[in-house]
């Protein structure tokens, strides 16, 4: 899955694009997903841990931050 998100700042009648994110997300193994973000050398891994893995009843080989963790961090930061 490739995601393209544009950040638009409203200017008078037309919006001005100030940033476009290019992210490709691929499923690795189990709940682990790898996000490759254009402009960064290292990928970001998403997965499950703690209460989330217990809720879904999965036991990943390696725990990673969930997408929810990144969303909460972005809003709070």
Protein backbone atom coordinates (compact mmCIF):
# COMPACT_ATOMS: atom_id res chain seq x y z
CA UNK A 1 0.00 0.00 0.00
CA UNK A 2 1.39 3.41 -0.90
CA UNK A 3 0.06 6.48 0.86
CA UNK A 4 0.42 10.02 -0.41
CA UNK A 5 -0.61 12.79 1.98
CA UNK A 6 -0.50 16.45 1.06
CA UNK A 7 -0.36 19.21 3.67
CA UNK A 8 -2.22 22.20 2.27
CA UNK A 9 -2.11 25.72 3.69
CA UNK A 10 -5.06 27.89 2.63
CA UNK A 11 -3.97 31.02 0.81
CA UNK A 12 -6.72 33.36 -0.36
CA UNK A 13 -8.81 31.39 -2.87
CA UNK A 14 -6.34 28.59 -3.64
CA UNK A 15 -4.45 26.25 -1.33
CA UNK A 16 -0.67 26.01 -1.43
CA UNK A 17 0.88 22.57 -1.08
CA UNK A 18 3.73 22.84 1.43
CA UNK A 19 4.58 19.16 1.84
CA UNK A 20 3.71 15.81 0.26
CA UNK A 21 4.47 12.62 2.20
CA UNK A 22 5.31 9.51 0.19
CA UNK A 23 5.08 6.35 2.28
CA UNK A 24 5.04 2.72 1.18
CA UNK A 25 3.80 0.20 3.75
CA UNK A 26 4.36 -3.53 3.38
CA UNK A 27 3.39 -6.38 5.67
CA UNK A 28 6.40 -8.29 6.92
CA UNK A 29 5.47 -11.26 9.12
CA UNK A 30 2.35 -11.49 11.28
CA UNK A 31 1.28 -8.07 12.54
CA UNK A 32 4.60 -6.41 11.63
CA UNK A 33 4.50 -3.76 8.90
CA UNK A 34 7.40 -1.82 7.40
CA UNK A 35 6.92 1.81 6.36
CA UNK A 36 9.44 3.31 3.96
CA UNK A 37 9.20 7.10 4.10
CA UNK A 38 10.72 9.07 1.23
CA UNK A 39 13.60 11.18 2.52
CA UNK A 40 14.59 8.86 5.38
CA UNK A 41 17.27 6.19 5.13
CA UNK A 42 15.79 3.81 7.71
CA UNK A 43 12.29 2.29 7.57
CA UNK A 44 9.81 2.59 10.44
CA UNK A 45 8.35 -0.65 11.78
CA UNK A 46 4.84 -0.92 13.19
CA UNK A 47 3.42 -3.85 15.08
CA UNK A 48 1.88 -4.75 18.41
CA UNK A 49 3.00 -4.89 22.04
CA UNK A 50 1.63 -5.07 25.57
CA UNK A 51 -2.14 -4.83 25.87
CA UNK A 52 -2.58 -4.60 22.10
CA UNK A 53 -0.97 -8.00 21.48
CA UNK A 54 -3.03 -9.43 24.35
CA UNK A 55 -6.23 -7.99 22.85
CA UNK A 56 -5.54 -9.51 19.44
CA UNK A 57 -4.15 -12.70 21.00
CA UNK A 58 -0.94 -12.63 18.96
CA UNK A 59 2.62 -13.24 20.06
CA UNK A 60 4.91 -11.47 17.60
CA UNK A 61 8.51 -12.55 17.20
CA UNK A 62 9.52 -8.93 17.95
CA UNK A 63 7.37 -6.21 19.50
CA UNK A 64 7.09 -2.84 17.75
CA UNK A 65 5.21 0.36 18.50
CA UNK A 66 1.66 0.26 17.19
CA UNK A 67 0.34 2.85 14.76
CA UNK A 68 -1.80 4.05 17.67
CA UNK A 69 1.39 4.87 19.62
CA UNK A 70 2.66 7.06 16.78
CA UNK A 71 -0.69 8.85 16.41
CA UNK A 72 -0.88 9.61 20.15
CA UNK A 73 2.73 10.79 20.13
CA UNK A 74 2.11 13.07 17.16
CA UNK A 75 -0.97 14.64 18.72
CA UNK A 76 0.66 15.07 22.11
CA UNK A 77 4.00 16.29 20.79
